Structures are given as C-alpha cells and as structure tokens.
C-alpha atoms as a PDB file:
ATOM      1  CA  MET A   1     -20.526  13.872   2.772  1.00  0.00           C
ATOM      2  CA  THR A   2     -20.019  11.172   5.378  1.00  0.00           C
ATOM      3  CA  ASP A   3     -20.720   7.497   5.717  1.00  0.00           C
ATOM      4  CA  ALA A   4     -22.923   6.338   8.646  1.00  0.00           C
ATOM      5  CA  GLY A   5     -20.281   3.807   9.767  1.00  0.00           C
ATOM      6  CA  ASN A   6     -17.389   6.223   9.343  1.00  0.00           C
ATOM      7  CA  PRO A   7     -17.434   9.711  10.854  1.00  0.00           C
ATOM      8  CA  GLY A   8     -14.957  11.050   8.278  1.00  0.00           C
ATOM      9  CA  PRO A   9     -15.781  12.299   4.795  1.00  0.00           C
ATOM     10  CA  ILE A  10     -16.111   9.835   1.934  1.00  0.00           C
ATOM     11  CA  SER A  11     -13.388  10.320  -0.638  1.00  0.00           C
ATOM     12  CA  THR A  12     -14.418  10.856  -4.230  1.00  0.00           C
ATOM     13  CA  MET A  13     -10.803  10.399  -5.298  1.00  0.00           C
ATOM     14  CA  PRO A  14     -10.263   7.801  -8.038  1.00  0.00           C
ATOM     15  CA  ARG A  15      -8.827   4.549  -6.708  1.00  0.00           C
ATOM     16  CA  TRP A  16      -5.111   4.010  -7.294  1.00  0.00           C
ATOM     17  CA  TYR A  17      -5.564   1.766 -10.330  1.00  0.00           C
ATOM     18  CA  GLU A  18      -7.879   4.335 -11.917  1.00  0.00           C
ATOM     19  CA  PHE A  19      -4.757   6.457 -12.379  1.00  0.00           C
ATOM     20  CA  PHE A  20      -3.273   3.913 -14.852  1.00  0.00           C
ATOM     21  CA  ARG A  21      -4.835   5.598 -17.906  1.00  0.00           C
ATOM     22  CA  PRO A  22      -4.081   9.239 -16.971  1.00  0.00           C
ATOM     23  CA  LEU A  23      -0.512   8.271 -16.074  1.00  0.00           C
ATOM     24  CA  LEU A  24       0.084   6.461 -19.360  1.00  0.00           C
ATOM     25  CA  GLU A  25      -1.647   9.234 -21.333  1.00  0.00           C
ATOM     26  CA  VAL A  26       0.681  11.837 -19.804  1.00  0.00           C
ATOM     27  CA  LEU A  27       3.743   9.744 -20.670  1.00  0.00           C
ATOM     28  CA  ALA A  28       2.422   8.868 -24.158  1.00  0.00           C
ATOM     29  CA  ASP A  29       4.101  11.969 -25.629  1.00  0.00           C
ATOM     30  CA  GLY A  30       7.363   9.988 -25.557  1.00  0.00           C
ATOM     31  CA  ARG A  31       9.213  12.456 -23.324  1.00  0.00           C
ATOM     32  CA  THR A  32      10.997  11.518 -20.135  1.00  0.00           C
ATOM     33  CA  TRP A  33       9.054  13.253 -17.384  1.00  0.00           C
ATOM     34  CA  GLN A  34      10.392  14.456 -14.044  1.00  0.00           C
ATOM     35  CA  LYS A  35       8.293  12.980 -11.224  1.00  0.00           C
ATOM     36  CA  ARG A  36       6.824  16.257  -9.897  1.00  0.00           C
ATOM     37  CA  ASP A  37       5.859  17.477 -13.376  1.00  0.00           C
ATOM     38  CA  MET A  38       4.374  14.085 -14.194  1.00  0.00           C
ATOM     39  CA  GLU A  39       2.294  14.078 -10.991  1.00  0.00           C
ATOM     40  CA  ARG A  40       0.937  17.585 -11.710  1.00  0.00           C
ATOM     41  CA  ALA A  41       0.043  16.572 -15.271  1.00  0.00           C
ATOM     42  CA  ILE A  42      -1.689  13.376 -14.075  1.00  0.00           C
ATOM     43  CA  ILE A  43      -3.743  15.344 -11.546  1.00  0.00           C
ATOM     44  CA  ALA A  44      -4.808  17.736 -14.298  1.00  0.00           C
ATOM     45  CA  ARG A  45      -5.562  14.909 -16.758  1.00  0.00           C
ATOM     46  CA  ALA A  46      -7.605  13.025 -14.142  1.00  0.00           C
ATOM     47  CA  GLY A  47      -9.660  16.187 -13.580  1.00  0.00           C
ATOM     48  CA  LEU A  48      -9.337  16.154  -9.806  1.00  0.00           C
ATOM     49  CA  THR A  49     -11.291  18.810  -7.937  1.00  0.00           C
ATOM     50  CA  GLU A  50      -9.672  21.226  -5.487  1.00  0.00           C
ATOM     51  CA  ASP A  51     -11.220  19.216  -2.632  1.00  0.00           C
ATOM     52  CA  GLU A  52      -9.728  15.981  -3.976  1.00  0.00           C
ATOM     53  CA  ILE A  53      -6.326  17.617  -4.421  1.00  0.00           C
ATOM     54  CA  ALA A  54      -6.499  18.864  -0.823  1.00  0.00           C
ATOM     55  CA  GLU A  55      -7.300  15.402   0.640  1.00  0.00           C
ATOM     56  CA  THR A  56      -4.544  13.979   2.811  1.00  0.00           C
ATOM     57  CA  LEU A  57      -3.851  10.680   4.496  1.00  0.00           C
ATOM     58  CA  SER A  58      -3.421  10.456   8.258  1.00  0.00           C
ATOM     59  CA  SER A  59       0.341  10.690   7.608  1.00  0.00           C
ATOM     60  CA  GLY A  60      -0.168  14.102   5.976  1.00  0.00           C
ATOM     61  CA  GLN A  61       0.728  12.867   2.484  1.00  0.00           C
ATOM     62  CA  PRO A  62      -1.605  14.082  -0.264  1.00  0.00           C
ATOM     63  CA  ARG A  63      -3.968  11.216  -1.127  1.00  0.00           C
ATOM     64  CA  ALA A  64      -3.677  11.920  -4.874  1.00  0.00           C
ATOM     65  CA  LEU A  65       0.121  11.635  -4.838  1.00  0.00           C
ATOM     66  CA  ASN A  66      -0.117   8.431  -2.797  1.00  0.00           C
ATOM     67  CA  ARG A  67      -2.472   6.852  -5.322  1.00  0.00           C
ATOM     68  CA  ILE A  68      -0.414   8.068  -8.274  1.00  0.00           C
ATOM     69  CA  GLY A  69       2.626   6.532  -6.561  1.00  0.00           C
ATOM     70  CA  TRP A  70       0.926   3.146  -6.267  1.00  0.00           C
ATOM     71  CA  ALA A  71      -0.163   3.294  -9.927  1.00  0.00           C
ATOM     72  CA  THR A  72       3.381   4.237 -10.938  1.00  0.00           C
ATOM     73  CA  SER A  73       4.784   1.351  -8.930  1.00  0.00           C
ATOM     74  CA  ALA A  74       2.416  -1.199 -10.478  1.00  0.00           C
ATOM     75  CA  LEU A  75       3.071   0.055 -14.018  1.00  0.00           C
ATOM     76  CA  ARG A  76       6.834  -0.037 -13.430  1.00  0.00           C
ATOM     77  CA  ARG A  77       6.551  -3.563 -12.088  1.00  0.00           C
ATOM     78  CA  ALA A  78       4.673  -4.528 -15.277  1.00  0.00           C
ATOM     79  CA  LYS A  79       7.313  -2.684 -17.354  1.00  0.00           C
ATOM     80  CA  ALA A  80       4.626  -0.448 -18.868  1.00  0.00           C
ATOM     81  CA  ILE A  81       6.766   2.503 -17.797  1.00  0.00           C
ATOM     82  CA  GLU A  82      10.435   2.781 -16.986  1.00  0.00           C
ATOM     83  CA  SER A  83      12.674   5.042 -14.968  1.00  0.00           C
ATOM     84  CA  PRO A  84      15.818   5.858 -16.969  1.00  0.00           C
ATOM     85  CA  SER A  85      17.135   7.912 -14.054  1.00  0.00           C
ATOM     86  CA  ARG A  86      16.064   8.710 -10.522  1.00  0.00           C
ATOM     87  CA  ALA A  87      12.602  10.343 -10.329  1.00  0.00           C
ATOM     88  CA  HIS A  88      12.221  10.383 -14.141  1.00  0.00           C
ATOM     89  CA  PHE A  89       9.726   8.279 -16.077  1.00  0.00           C
ATOM     90  CA  ARG A  90       8.777   7.400 -19.630  1.00  0.00           C
ATOM     91  CA  ILE A  91       6.344   5.043 -21.308  1.00  0.00           C
ATOM     92  CA  THR A  92       7.429   1.732 -22.835  1.00  0.00           C
ATOM     93  CA  GLU A  93       5.974  -0.254 -25.697  1.00  0.00           C
ATOM     94  CA  THR A  94       4.019  -2.302 -23.145  1.00  0.00           C
ATOM     95  CA  GLY A  95       2.463   0.913 -21.828  1.00  0.00           C
ATOM     96  CA  ARG A  96       1.534   2.028 -25.346  1.00  0.00           C
ATOM     97  CA  ARG A  97      -0.059  -1.363 -25.930  1.00  0.00           C
ATOM     98  CA  LEU A  98      -2.117  -1.040 -22.735  1.00  0.00           C
ATOM     99  CA  LEU A  99      -3.407   2.336 -23.916  1.00  0.00           C
ATOM    100  CA  SER A 100      -4.329   1.048 -27.359  1.00  0.00           C
ATOM    101  CA  GLU A 101      -6.005  -2.131 -26.067  1.00  0.00           C
ATOM    102  CA  HIS A 102      -8.266  -0.289 -23.596  1.00  0.00           C
ATOM    103  CA  SER A 103     -10.431   2.605 -24.717  1.00  0.00           C
ATOM    104  CA  GLY A 104     -11.620   3.429 -21.198  1.00  0.00           C
ATOM    105  CA  PRO A 105     -10.109   2.828 -17.787  1.00  0.00           C
ATOM    106  CA  ILE A 106      -7.363   0.219 -17.722  1.00  0.00           C
ATOM    107  CA  PRO A 107      -8.511  -2.562 -15.378  1.00  0.00           C
ATOM    108  CA  GLU A 108      -6.227  -3.927 -12.672  1.00  0.00           C
ATOM    109  CA  PRO A 109      -6.328  -7.488 -14.093  1.00  0.00           C
ATOM    110  CA  ALA A 110      -4.937  -6.212 -17.416  1.00  0.00           C
ATOM    111  CA  VAL A 111      -1.800  -4.990 -15.627  1.00  0.00           C
ATOM    112  CA  TYR A 112      -1.550  -8.086 -13.422  1.00  0.00           C
ATOM    113  CA  ALA A 113      -1.762 -10.269 -16.547  1.00  0.00           C
ATOM    114  CA  ILE A 114       1.424  -8.776 -18.031  1.00  0.00           C
ATOM    115  CA  PRO A 115       4.116 -11.447 -17.562  1.00  0.00           C
ATOM    116  CA  ALA A 116       6.672  -8.914 -16.280  1.00  0.00           C
ATOM    117  CA  TYR A 117       4.329  -8.069 -13.403  1.00  0.00           C
ATOM    118  CA  SER A 118       4.343 -11.580 -11.971  1.00  0.00           C
ATOM    119  CA  GLU A 119       8.037 -12.126 -12.801  1.00  0.00           C
ATOM    120  CA  TYR A 120       9.075  -8.990 -10.905  1.00  0.00           C
ATOM    121  CA  THR A 121      11.791  -9.381  -8.287  1.00  0.00           C
ATOM    122  CA  PRO A 122      13.171  -6.328  -6.485  1.00  0.00           C
ATOM    123  CA  ALA A 123      16.763  -5.351  -7.172  1.00  0.00           C
ATOM    124  CA  ARG A 124      18.006  -6.090  -3.666  1.00  0.00           C
ATOM    125  CA  GLY A 125      17.122  -6.904  -0.106  1.00  0.00           C
ATOM    126  CA  ARG A 126      13.988  -8.959  -0.371  1.00  0.00           C
ATOM    127  CA  LYS A 127      13.719 -12.702  -0.677  1.00  0.00           C
ATOM    128  CA  THR A 128      12.008 -13.926  -3.818  1.00  0.00           C
ATOM    129  CA  THR A 129       8.474 -13.663  -2.491  1.00  0.00           C
ATOM    130  CA  THR A 130       6.133 -12.245  -5.066  1.00  0.00           C
ATOM    131  CA  VAL A 131       2.854 -10.627  -4.240  1.00  0.00           C
ATOM    132  CA  ASP A 132      -0.202 -11.375  -6.303  1.00  0.00           C
ATOM    133  CA  PRO A 133      -2.771  -8.752  -5.346  1.00  0.00           C
ATOM    134  CA  SER A 134      -5.546 -10.629  -7.087  1.00  0.00           C
ATOM    135  CA  PRO A 135      -7.574 -12.617  -4.572  1.00  0.00           C
ATOM    136  CA  THR A 136      -6.992 -16.350  -4.327  1.00  0.00           C
ATOM    137  CA  ILE A 137      -8.828 -18.945  -2.299  1.00  0.00           C
ATOM    138  CA  VAL A 138      -6.851 -21.556  -0.388  1.00  0.00           C
ATOM    139  CA  ASP A 139      -9.138 -24.415   0.645  1.00  0.00           C
ATOM    140  CA  ASP A 140      -6.911 -26.062   3.245  1.00  0.00           C
ATOM    141  CA  ALA A 141      -5.775 -22.949   5.157  1.00  0.00           C
ATOM    142  CA  ASP A 142      -7.620 -21.553   8.124  1.00  0.00           C
ATOM    143  CA  PRO A 143      -8.382 -17.816   8.403  1.00  0.00           C
ATOM    144  CA  ASP A 144      -5.507 -17.184  10.835  1.00  0.00           C
ATOM    145  CA  GLU A 145      -3.009 -18.716   8.396  1.00  0.00           C
ATOM    146  CA  LEU A 146      -4.433 -16.692   5.523  1.00  0.00           C
ATOM    147  CA  ILE A 147      -4.230 -13.490   7.557  1.00  0.00           C
ATOM    148  CA  SER A 148      -0.636 -14.184   8.670  1.00  0.00           C
ATOM    149  CA  SER A 149       0.408 -15.052   5.143  1.00  0.00           C
ATOM    150  CA  GLY A 150      -1.276 -11.948   3.766  1.00  0.00           C
ATOM    151  CA  ILE A 151       0.381  -9.704   6.330  1.00  0.00           C
ATOM    152  CA  GLN A 152       3.821 -11.134   5.519  1.00  0.00           C
ATOM    153  CA  LEU A 153       3.291 -10.564   1.802  1.00  0.00           C
ATOM    154  CA  ILE A 154       2.067  -7.016   2.330  1.00  0.00           C
ATOM    155  CA  GLU A 155       4.963  -6.151   4.644  1.00  0.00           C
ATOM    156  CA  SER A 156       7.477  -7.588   2.207  1.00  0.00           C
ATOM    157  CA  ASP A 157       6.025  -5.728  -0.768  1.00  0.00           C
ATOM    158  CA  THR A 158       5.690  -2.503   1.234  1.00  0.00           C
ATOM    159  CA  LYS A 159       9.374  -2.611   2.235  1.00  0.00           C
ATOM    160  CA  SER A 160      10.440  -3.094  -1.364  1.00  0.00           C
ATOM    161  CA  THR A 161       8.120  -0.366  -2.646  1.00  0.00           C
ATOM    162  CA  LEU A 162       9.198   2.083   0.059  1.00  0.00           C
ATOM    163  CA  LEU A 163      12.886   1.548  -0.688  1.00  0.00           C
ATOM    164  CA  GLN A 164      12.274   1.986  -4.421  1.00  0.00           C
ATOM    165  CA  ARG A 165      10.271   5.183  -3.869  1.00  0.00           C
ATOM    166  CA  LEU A 166      12.927   6.612  -1.569  1.00  0.00           C
ATOM    167  CA  LYS A 167      15.589   5.899  -4.205  1.00  0.00           C
ATOM    168  CA  GLU A 168      13.504   7.672  -6.844  1.00  0.00           C
ATOM    169  CA  SER A 169      12.432  10.605  -4.701  1.00  0.00           C
ATOM    170  CA  ASP A 170      13.697  14.120  -5.007  1.00  0.00           C
ATOM    171  CA  PRO A 171      16.705  14.652  -2.686  1.00  0.00           C
ATOM    172  CA  TYR A 172      14.761  17.295  -0.748  1.00  0.00           C
ATOM    173  CA  ASP A 173      11.867  14.858  -0.236  1.00  0.00           C
ATOM    174  CA  PHE A 174      14.337  12.239   0.960  1.00  0.00           C
ATOM    175  CA  GLU A 175      15.803  14.739   3.429  1.00  0.00           C
ATOM    176  CA  ARG A 176      12.308  15.571   4.686  1.00  0.00           C
ATOM    177  CA  VAL A 177      11.507  11.864   5.190  1.00  0.00           C
ATOM    178  CA  VAL A 178      14.756  11.238   7.079  1.00  0.00           C
ATOM    179  CA  ARG A 179      14.243  14.340   9.240  1.00  0.00           C
ATOM    180  CA  SER A 180      10.660  13.305  10.014  1.00  0.00           C
ATOM    181  CA  LEU A 181      11.785   9.761  10.860  1.00  0.00           C
ATOM    182  CA  LEU A 182      14.510  11.013  13.193  1.00  0.00           C
ATOM    183  CA  VAL A 183      12.075  13.350  14.948  1.00  0.00           C
ATOM    184  CA  LYS A 184       9.571  10.514  15.444  1.00  0.00           C
ATOM    185  CA  MET A 185      12.313   8.235  16.752  1.00  0.00           C
ATOM    186  CA  GLY A 186      13.220  10.865  19.344  1.00  0.00           C
END
C-alpha cells in the first residue's frame, strides 16, 4: 500500500505514543525487565504483524524498536517507569496510576501533564532547556524564528536522549554503534 505523494509503503505501525499502554502493561507484573525481553513482550502485546516487525528506518533500525524506545524515554521522563540498572526497567506508582486512569490507549497529553515530565532535566551535559512537545503558538515570532527555535530544542533533546539510550544499551549494541560510527567517519 502506497501513498500518492510518497512512493514508499504506508506504515501501519502504531505511533510511538501508542506504545505507552503495551509498555506499561508488560511492566505491570512488578518485575524488573531486561530491555530486550521487554521489547519482545511489548511487540507481542501490541499485536504487531510480521510486516510491521520487519519495517526498518532508513538507518536500518527496526521501526518498532525505535518507537518503543521513544515511548520508553517519555515514560521515564514522566517517572512512570524507572531504570534501576542499565538496560533494565520497571513500572512505578505513576505508571500504575496511568494504567488505571485510562482504559484504552494512554494519550500523549496525559503523560505530558505529569509534573515530572515538565520538570525533567538530564543528568549531565545539557543546559536547562526543556522541550515541550505539545504545540504552542507564539504570536510575536516569525516563522523563521519558530523554525530555528524548534530545531534547537529538537537537537538538544535528541542529544540528551541519544546519550541516555547509549548508556542504557546492551554493551554489544554499544560496540556496534561505535563501530558503525567509526566506519562512517572513515
């Protein structure tokens, strides 16, 4: 299936925030889950098809794991889940509350509304710029200023997220990333 304006196939993969519920449901058993096992369980719980599981980004990363990663990051930022050790996750009371307050999909605004989400500051490196992914309208800024500001916020948040994910990744994944980076750098 393709879109007239886009020659590539249209993804039927759930959007990243649609993984909030399956992720929290997997962790709701109270165990501390290893990242790979958690990802497999989330994929199963979300009922992804073989075609969806096989989808990749242009970077080669599986699209499902990318979206699960973004959902994990947002839920960690909101303190709905925690990472007691590298690449291990468990649900918090905030996460249990999210599950009980929403019978269906957990909407993005529900996570953004958690005070810990907006109070989040990365552990190191980044200046205290926070990113609010909910759209805001600034009356006195022109489009170029809005675009520049948006790009700076995205770059800042991406750097922080990337560093956090690398810290939490499996050592073999980290080695693969470093090797790939060195090859691309020549």
